[in-house]
Protein backbone atom coordinates (compact mmCIF):
# COMPACT_ATOMS: atom_id res chain seq x y z
CA UNK A 1 95.14 119.10 72.47
CA UNK A 2 96.61 118.59 69.03
CA UNK A 3 99.63 116.83 70.53
CA UNK A 4 97.35 114.43 72.38
CA UNK A 5 95.42 113.74 69.19
CA UNK A 6 98.62 113.09 67.24
CA UNK A 7 99.87 110.80 69.98
CA UNK A 8 96.65 108.77 69.90
CA UNK A 9 96.87 108.45 66.10
CA UNK A 10 100.44 107.17 66.34
CA UNK A 11 99.51 104.52 68.92
CA UNK A 12 96.21 102.92 67.82
CA UNK A 13 96.90 99.62 69.57
CA UNK A 14 97.45 101.43 72.86
CA UNK A 15 94.12 103.23 72.50
CA UNK A 16 92.33 99.96 71.70
CA UNK A 17 94.00 98.29 74.67
CA UNK A 18 92.67 101.04 76.92
CA UNK A 19 89.11 100.43 75.72
CA UNK A 20 89.65 96.69 76.10
CA UNK A 21 90.52 97.27 79.77
CA UNK A 22 87.37 99.39 80.17
CA UNK A 23 85.30 96.63 78.58
CA UNK A 24 86.94 94.08 80.87
CA UNK A 25 86.05 96.16 83.92
CA UNK A 26 82.37 96.48 83.06
CA UNK A 27 82.23 92.81 82.06
CA UNK A 28 83.75 91.82 85.43
CA UNK A 29 81.02 93.73 87.27
CA UNK A 30 78.40 92.04 85.13
CA UNK A 31 79.86 88.59 85.87
CA UNK A 32 79.95 89.26 89.62
CA UNK A 33 76.30 90.32 89.80
CA UNK A 34 74.95 87.73 87.32
CA UNK A 35 76.75 84.60 88.49
CA UNK A 36 74.67 81.52 87.51
CA UNK A 37 77.03 78.64 88.08
CA UNK A 38 80.65 77.66 88.07
CA UNK A 39 80.71 76.25 84.53
CA UNK A 40 78.83 79.13 82.98
CA UNK A 41 80.87 81.64 84.98
CA UNK A 42 84.15 80.09 83.83
CA UNK A 43 82.95 80.05 80.21
CA UNK A 44 81.79 83.65 80.56
CA UNK A 45 85.21 84.69 81.89
CA UNK A 46 87.02 82.94 79.04
CA UNK A 47 84.72 84.44 76.42
CA UNK A 48 85.06 87.89 78.00
CA UNK A 49 88.84 87.73 77.94
CA UNK A 50 88.71 86.65 74.31
CA UNK A 51 86.38 89.52 73.37
CA UNK A 52 88.59 92.02 75.21
CA UNK A 53 91.53 90.69 73.20
CA UNK A 54 89.46 91.27 70.07
CA UNK A 55 89.02 94.94 70.98
CA UNK A 56 92.71 95.36 71.81
CA UNK A 57 93.97 93.87 68.52
CA UNK A 58 91.13 94.83 66.19
CA UNK A 59 93.22 97.20 64.05
CA UNK A 60 96.42 95.20 64.21
CA UNK A 61 94.89 91.90 63.03
CA UNK A 62 91.25 92.53 62.03
CA UNK A 63 90.68 89.29 60.10
CA UNK A 64 92.08 87.08 62.87
CA UNK A 65 90.02 88.92 65.47
CA UNK A 66 86.91 88.45 63.31
CA UNK A 67 87.51 84.69 63.22
CA UNK A 68 88.09 84.68 66.99
CA UNK A 69 84.83 86.59 67.50
CA UNK A 70 82.94 84.12 65.29
CA UNK A 71 84.38 81.19 67.28
CA UNK A 72 83.35 82.81 70.59
CA UNK A 73 79.84 83.53 69.28
CA UNK A 74 79.32 79.95 68.11
CA UNK A 75 80.69 78.63 71.42
CA UNK A 76 78.25 80.83 73.33
CA UNK A 77 75.34 79.34 71.42
CA UNK A 78 76.57 75.78 71.94
CA UNK A 79 77.33 76.08 75.65
CA UNK A 80 74.31 78.23 76.33
CA UNK A 81 76.03 81.35 77.67
CA UNK A 82 73.50 84.13 77.41
CA UNK A 83 74.36 87.54 75.81
CA UNK A 84 76.76 89.44 78.05
CA UNK A 85 78.36 92.86 78.25
CA UNK A 86 81.50 91.70 76.47
CA UNK A 87 79.49 90.95 73.32
CA UNK A 88 79.79 94.65 72.56
CA UNK A 89 83.14 93.67 71.00
CA UNK A 90 81.21 91.92 68.20
CA UNK A 91 79.74 95.25 67.13
CA UNK A 92 83.21 96.85 67.24
CA UNK A 93 84.85 94.16 65.12
CA UNK A 94 82.06 94.36 62.53
CA UNK A 95 82.79 98.06 62.09
CA UNK A 96 86.57 97.50 62.05
CA UNK A 97 86.56 94.78 59.39
CA UNK A 98 84.16 96.75 57.19
CA UNK A 99 86.31 99.90 57.42
CA UNK A 100 89.71 98.25 56.88
CA UNK A 101 91.01 99.72 53.57
CA UNK A 102 93.39 96.84 52.83
CA UNK A 103 91.28 94.04 54.26
CA UNK A 104 89.82 91.25 52.11
CA UNK A 105 86.27 91.74 50.93
CA UNK A 106 85.21 88.27 52.06
CA UNK A 107 85.96 89.24 55.66
CA UNK A 108 83.70 92.28 55.34
CA UNK A 109 80.89 90.16 53.89
CA UNK A 110 81.27 87.62 56.69
CA UNK A 111 81.03 90.46 59.21
CA UNK A 112 77.77 91.59 57.59
CA UNK A 113 76.36 88.07 57.64
CA UNK A 114 77.28 87.73 61.29
CA UNK A 115 75.68 91.11 62.07
CA UNK A 116 72.41 89.96 60.50
CA UNK A 117 72.36 86.31 61.59
CA UNK A 118 73.90 86.64 65.05
CA UNK A 119 70.96 88.29 66.86
CA UNK A 120 68.44 86.00 65.14
CA UNK A 121 70.35 82.86 66.13
CA UNK A 122 70.69 84.14 69.70
CA UNK A 123 66.99 84.72 70.19
CA UNK A 124 66.20 81.41 68.49
CA UNK A 125 68.57 79.66 70.90
CA UNK A 126 66.80 81.05 73.97
CA UNK A 127 63.25 81.12 72.62
CA UNK A 128 62.08 78.19 74.79
CA UNK A 129 63.79 79.60 77.87
CA UNK A 130 62.36 83.11 77.84
CA UNK A 131 58.81 82.05 76.87
CA UNK A 132 58.27 85.27 74.93
CA UNK A 133 55.66 85.80 72.25
CA UNK A 134 56.62 85.70 68.59
CA UNK A 135 56.01 89.42 68.17
CA UNK A 136 58.30 90.28 71.07
CA UNK A 137 61.04 87.99 69.79
CA UNK A 138 60.86 89.62 66.33
CA UNK A 139 60.94 93.06 67.94
CA UNK A 140 64.03 92.23 69.98
CA UNK A 141 65.77 90.62 67.00
CA UNK A 142 65.21 93.75 64.91
CA UNK A 143 66.22 95.98 67.83
CA UNK A 144 69.53 94.17 68.29
CA UNK A 145 70.23 93.66 64.56
CA UNK A 146 69.92 97.33 63.61
CA UNK A 147 72.99 98.53 65.61
CA UNK A 148 75.13 95.74 64.19
CA UNK A 149 74.08 96.50 60.61
CA UNK A 150 74.54 100.23 61.15
CA UNK A 151 78.03 99.59 62.49
CA UNK A 152 78.89 97.59 59.37
CA UNK A 153 77.39 100.24 57.06
CA UNK A 154 79.32 102.99 58.83
CA UNK A 155 82.54 101.00 58.55
CA UNK A 156 81.99 100.30 54.86
CA UNK A 157 81.31 104.00 54.24
CA UNK A 158 84.53 104.90 56.04
CA UNK A 159 86.39 102.36 53.92
CA UNK A 160 85.01 103.88 50.70
CA UNK A 161 85.86 107.38 51.87
CA UNK A 162 89.42 106.43 52.80
CA UNK A 163 89.91 104.70 49.47
CA UNK A 164 88.63 107.81 47.69
CA UNK A 165 91.00 110.11 49.58
CA UNK A 166 93.89 107.71 49.04
CA UNK A 167 93.14 107.71 45.31
CA UNK A 168 93.08 111.52 45.28
CA UNK A 169 96.41 111.68 47.11
CA UNK A 170 97.94 109.15 44.73
CA UNK A 171 96.67 111.08 41.73
CA UNK A 172 98.00 114.34 43.16
CA UNK A 173 101.39 112.74 43.80
CA UNK A 174 101.45 111.30 40.28
CA UNK A 175 100.53 114.65 38.75
CA UNK A 176 103.24 116.32 40.80
CA UNK A 177 105.81 113.83 39.53
CA UNK A 178 104.61 114.31 35.95
CA UNK A 179 104.81 118.07 36.39
CA UNK A 180 108.36 117.79 37.70
CA UNK A 181 109.30 115.49 34.82
CA UNK A 182 107.82 117.91 32.28
CA UNK A 183 109.67 120.77 33.94
CA UNK A 184 112.95 118.87 33.71
CA UNK A 185 112.29 118.08 30.04
CA UNK A 186 111.45 121.71 29.33
CA UNK A 187 114.60 122.89 31.12
CA UNK A 188 116.73 120.38 29.20
CA UNK A 189 115.19 121.46 25.89
CA UNK A 190 115.75 125.13 26.70
CA UNK A 191 119.36 124.46 27.71
CA UNK A 192 119.93 122.56 24.45
CA UNK A 193 118.41 125.40 22.44
CA UNK A 194 120.53 128.02 24.19
CA UNK A 195 123.61 125.82 23.77
CA UNK A 196 122.97 125.61 20.02
CA UNK A 197 122.57 129.39 19.79
CA UNK A 198 125.73 129.99 21.82
CA UNK A 199 127.69 127.56 19.70
CA UNK A 200 126.54 129.13 16.44
CA UNK A 201 127.17 132.70 17.57
CA UNK A 202 130.50 132.11 19.30
CA UNK A 203 131.97 129.63 16.82
CA UNK A 204 131.23 131.73 13.75
CA UNK A 205 132.28 135.12 15.04
CA UNK A 206 135.32 133.95 16.94
CA UNK A 207 136.44 131.98 13.88
CA UNK A 208 136.27 135.16 11.77
CA UNK A 209 138.18 137.10 14.42
CA UNK A 210 140.91 134.43 14.65
CA UNK A 211 141.38 134.36 10.85
CA UNK A 212 141.57 138.14 10.66
CA UNK A 213 143.94 138.35 13.64
CA UNK A 214 146.28 135.80 12.07
CA UNK A 215 146.24 137.69 8.79
CA UNK A 216 146.89 141.02 10.51
CA UNK A 217 149.83 139.59 12.40
CA UNK A 218 151.27 138.19 9.13
CA UNK A 219 151.14 141.50 7.23
CA UNK A 220 151.63 143.84 10.20
CA UNK A 221 154.98 145.19 8.99
CA UNK A 222 154.57 144.91 5.22
CA UNK A 223 150.95 146.03 4.62
CA UNK A 224 149.64 148.49 7.22
CA UNK A 225 146.44 149.14 5.22
CA UNK A 226 145.51 145.44 5.20
CA UNK A 227 146.34 145.28 8.89
CA UNK A 228 144.03 148.21 9.57
CA UNK A 229 141.24 146.59 7.52
CA UNK A 230 141.67 143.29 9.40
CA UNK A 231 141.48 145.08 12.74
CA UNK A 232 138.32 146.85 11.63
CA UNK A 233 136.82 143.51 10.66
CA UNK A 234 137.78 142.06 14.04
CA UNK A 235 136.19 145.03 15.78
CA UNK A 236 132.99 144.81 13.75
CA UNK A 237 132.74 141.05 14.21
CA UNK A 238 133.26 141.42 17.97
CA UNK A 239 130.50 144.00 18.19
CA UNK A 240 128.19 141.77 16.20
CA UNK A 241 129.00 138.83 18.47
CA UNK A 242 128.24 140.96 21.54
CA UNK A 243 124.95 142.10 20.02
CA UNK A 244 123.88 138.52 19.32
CA UNK A 245 124.97 137.45 22.79
CA UNK A 246 122.85 140.22 24.31
CA UNK A 247 119.90 139.13 22.19
CA UNK A 248 120.37 135.53 23.23
CA UNK A 249 120.67 136.39 26.90
CA UNK A 250 117.60 138.59 26.52
CA UNK A 251 115.61 135.42 25.86
CA UNK A 252 116.32 134.47 29.46
CA UNK A 253 115.02 137.85 30.69
CA UNK A 254 111.62 138.02 29.06
CA UNK A 255 110.46 140.69 31.48
CA UNK A 256 113.40 142.98 30.72
CA UNK A 257 113.07 142.29 27.01
CA UNK A 258 109.41 143.25 27.02
CA UNK A 259 110.15 146.47 28.90
CA UNK A 260 113.17 147.67 26.97
CA UNK A 261 112.59 146.08 23.55
CA UNK A 262 116.27 146.59 22.69
CA UNK A 263 117.03 143.09 21.45
CA UNK A 264 117.25 142.52 17.70
CA UNK A 265 115.03 139.99 15.88
CA UNK A 266 116.19 136.48 15.08
CA UNK A 267 118.32 136.31 11.90
CA UNK A 268 116.76 134.73 8.82
CA UNK A 269 117.13 134.25 5.07
CA UNK A 270 117.30 138.00 4.42
CA UNK A 271 120.41 138.25 6.58
CA UNK A 272 122.26 135.56 4.58
CA UNK A 273 123.73 138.20 2.25
CA UNK A 274 125.30 140.03 5.18
CA UNK A 275 126.61 136.75 6.54
CA UNK A 276 128.15 135.82 3.20
CA UNK A 277 129.73 139.28 2.87
CA UNK A 278 131.23 138.90 6.33
CA UNK A 279 132.68 135.52 5.42
CA UNK A 280 134.04 136.89 2.16
CA UNK A 281 135.66 139.70 4.11
CA UNK A 282 137.35 137.07 6.26
CA UNK A 283 139.02 135.62 3.16
CA UNK A 284 136.68 132.78 2.12
CA UNK A 285 135.28 133.10 -1.43
CA UNK A 286 131.57 132.19 -1.40
CA UNK A 287 129.21 131.81 -4.36
CA UNK A 288 125.72 132.59 -3.02
CA UNK A 289 122.55 132.21 -5.08
CA UNK A 290 118.81 132.02 -4.43
CA UNK A 291 116.56 130.02 -6.77
CA UNK A 292 112.80 130.05 -7.09
CA UNK A 293 110.32 132.63 -5.88
CA UNK A 294 111.10 133.81 -2.34
CA UNK A 295 108.17 133.68 0.05
CA UNK A 296 107.35 134.28 3.67
CA UNK A 297 108.74 131.53 5.88
CA UNK A 298 108.00 130.43 9.44
CA UNK A 299 110.40 132.06 11.90
CA UNK A 300 111.72 128.64 12.96
CA UNK A 301 112.65 127.78 9.36
CA UNK A 302 114.22 131.24 8.86
CA UNK A 303 116.48 130.77 11.87
CA UNK A 304 117.32 127.17 10.89
CA UNK A 305 118.45 128.21 7.39
CA UNK A 306 120.62 131.00 8.75
CA UNK A 307 122.27 128.86 11.42
CA UNK A 308 122.98 125.97 9.04
CA UNK A 309 124.70 128.27 6.55
CA UNK A 310 126.59 130.00 9.36
CA UNK A 311 127.83 126.73 10.86
CA UNK A 312 128.66 125.20 7.47
CA UNK A 313 130.79 128.20 6.41
CA UNK A 314 132.48 128.22 9.80
CA UNK A 315 133.38 124.54 9.36
CA UNK A 316 134.71 125.29 5.86
CA UNK A 317 137.11 127.89 7.27
CA UNK A 318 138.19 125.49 10.00
CA UNK A 319 138.65 122.30 8.00
CA UNK A 320 138.70 123.28 4.31
CA UNK A 321 142.38 124.11 4.14
CA UNK A 322 144.05 126.75 1.91
CA UNK A 323 142.47 128.10 -1.29
CA UNK A 324 139.09 126.63 -0.47
CA UNK A 325 135.89 127.95 -2.08
CA UNK A 326 132.32 127.52 -0.91
CA UNK A 327 128.90 127.50 -2.55
CA UNK A 328 125.55 128.33 -0.94
CA UNK A 329 122.25 127.56 -2.70
CA UNK A 330 118.80 128.40 -1.34
CA UNK A 331 116.04 126.94 -3.55
CA UNK A 332 112.29 127.34 -3.11
CA UNK A 333 110.71 124.11 -4.40
CA UNK A 334 106.93 124.02 -4.07
CA UNK A 335 106.24 122.97 -0.48
CA UNK A 336 109.91 122.61 0.48
CA UNK A 337 113.02 124.72 0.75
CA UNK A 338 116.24 123.04 -0.38
CA UNK A 339 119.45 124.28 1.16
CA UNK A 340 122.89 123.28 -0.14
CA UNK A 341 126.25 124.35 1.30
CA UNK A 342 129.39 122.72 -0.11
CA UNK A 343 133.07 123.41 -0.56
CA UNK A 344 135.98 122.04 -2.55
CA UNK A 345 138.42 121.76 0.35
CA UNK A 346 139.81 118.74 2.07
CA UNK A 347 136.73 118.31 4.30
CA UNK A 348 136.35 117.41 7.95
CA UNK A 349 137.52 114.21 9.53
CA UNK A 350 135.00 111.41 9.24
CA UNK A 351 134.42 111.02 12.99
CA UNK A 352 133.23 114.64 13.21
CA UNK A 353 130.09 113.98 11.19
CA UNK A 354 129.53 110.34 12.14
CA UNK A 355 130.21 110.28 15.87
CA UNK A 356 129.99 113.94 16.85
CA UNK A 357 133.70 114.36 17.57
CA UNK A 358 135.30 114.89 20.94
CA UNK A 359 136.27 117.82 23.15
CA UNK A 360 133.54 119.98 21.58
CA UNK A 361 134.48 119.14 17.96
CA UNK A 362 131.67 118.11 15.65
CA UNK A 363 128.91 119.44 17.89
CA UNK A 364 127.90 121.92 15.18
CA UNK A 365 126.61 119.08 12.99
CA UNK A 366 124.69 117.69 15.95
CA UNK A 367 123.10 121.10 16.41
CA UNK A 368 122.19 121.21 12.70
CA UNK A 369 120.42 117.86 12.90
CA UNK A 370 118.51 118.96 16.00
CA UNK A 371 117.43 122.22 14.35
CA UNK A 372 116.30 120.49 11.16
CA UNK A 373 114.48 117.81 13.13
CA UNK A 374 112.59 120.43 15.13
CA UNK A 375 111.04 121.88 11.94
CA UNK A 376 110.29 118.44 10.44
CA UNK A 377 113.04 118.46 7.80
CA UNK A 378 115.90 116.19 6.83
CA UNK A 379 119.67 116.77 6.77
CA UNK A 380 122.51 115.06 4.93
CA UNK A 381 126.15 115.78 5.67
CA UNK A 382 129.33 114.18 4.44
CA UNK A 383 132.27 114.34 2.05
CA UNK A 384 131.72 115.18 -1.63
CA UNK A 385 132.83 112.84 -4.39
CA UNK A 386 136.16 114.20 -5.55
CA UNK A 387 136.92 116.14 -2.37
CA UNK A 388 135.35 118.70 -0.16
CA UNK A 389 132.36 118.62 2.13
CA UNK A 390 128.64 118.90 1.47
CA UNK A 391 125.67 119.75 3.69
CA UNK A 392 122.13 119.50 2.30
CA UNK A 393 118.83 120.16 4.04
CA UNK A 394 115.20 119.87 2.99
CA UNK A 395 112.88 122.01 5.10
CA UNK A 396 109.08 121.88 4.79
CA UNK A 397 107.43 125.25 4.13
CA UNK A 398 104.28 125.35 6.18
CA UNK A 399 102.01 128.25 5.36
CA UNK A 400 102.22 131.11 7.86
CA UNK A 401 99.08 132.81 9.11
């Protein structure tokens, strides 16, 4: 049964053509039994064929069929062809035009006017022929007008209902697209955040390990104690890198993290001393000082400060050259935290901090700017007057609750 219903919905013109044939059959019987003359019979046949065509094409061309119906109705009044069985098509077209969702409103209004005026004009046309009383003529006019008006009202209600459902479907589709777009944005933001974390963790720790490995290889034969100390530093740095990698990957497994609770907290300002000691152990002299009265910071600001210092010191080891020294200043200034990391080395190439570099170079500065922008701060990065490189950040200190 469902297949038959789906087939009928896919072929509306075929269904209408079937009913047009049915209407033609009943109209033919009516013409045979009510023959009143050759001229009137010929006109009746022509009008019947036209009204059957109206039924067959009512959904394919509703406005054109409405105009054809109006022309047939006016011709009936002029020639004097009395109401016939085929006039049932006028009721059908009134419903069709009123229910068409994309049809012009003027066509629907014309259908309503025809539904109201058509029966009245018909009975006025044949008032002298039927010799009926005024009360009977009014009764018949009302009796015939009501079905036509009801057909138009039903069609207009269907049109409103279809428009309402179409609007709901459009809104649902739009919301689905917006939801997909928001999901893509959220995924992209999460990927960027994880990429920043991976870069900071891997770049810093691997840089320390490379420096220590090079030093150990240089003094392997001449200074075994220094070699042993460098290997211990490499081992400790590797373990720290693995721990941070596990913590970072734990972010992606929130269920496992909640169950086990084995992942360490995000690093912050308090861990800067350990970071500086690690860098000093790798051979980079660092002067680290804190100014002002320390206070509780938002976790996002804590992590931003730590990662900026970590990336800046990593860049100093990479690009500063031999005998380079670094300075780290953390200053609490009223509603802001000022962070300054600078060195007296040769500095990075200009394209690294202006264009982001190539082949992965310079992406650390891009990550710094993104981190600072996420907490509403500002970042400056570039060469120092007289040599070296300088990174400064101003981070707003919003009160934590």
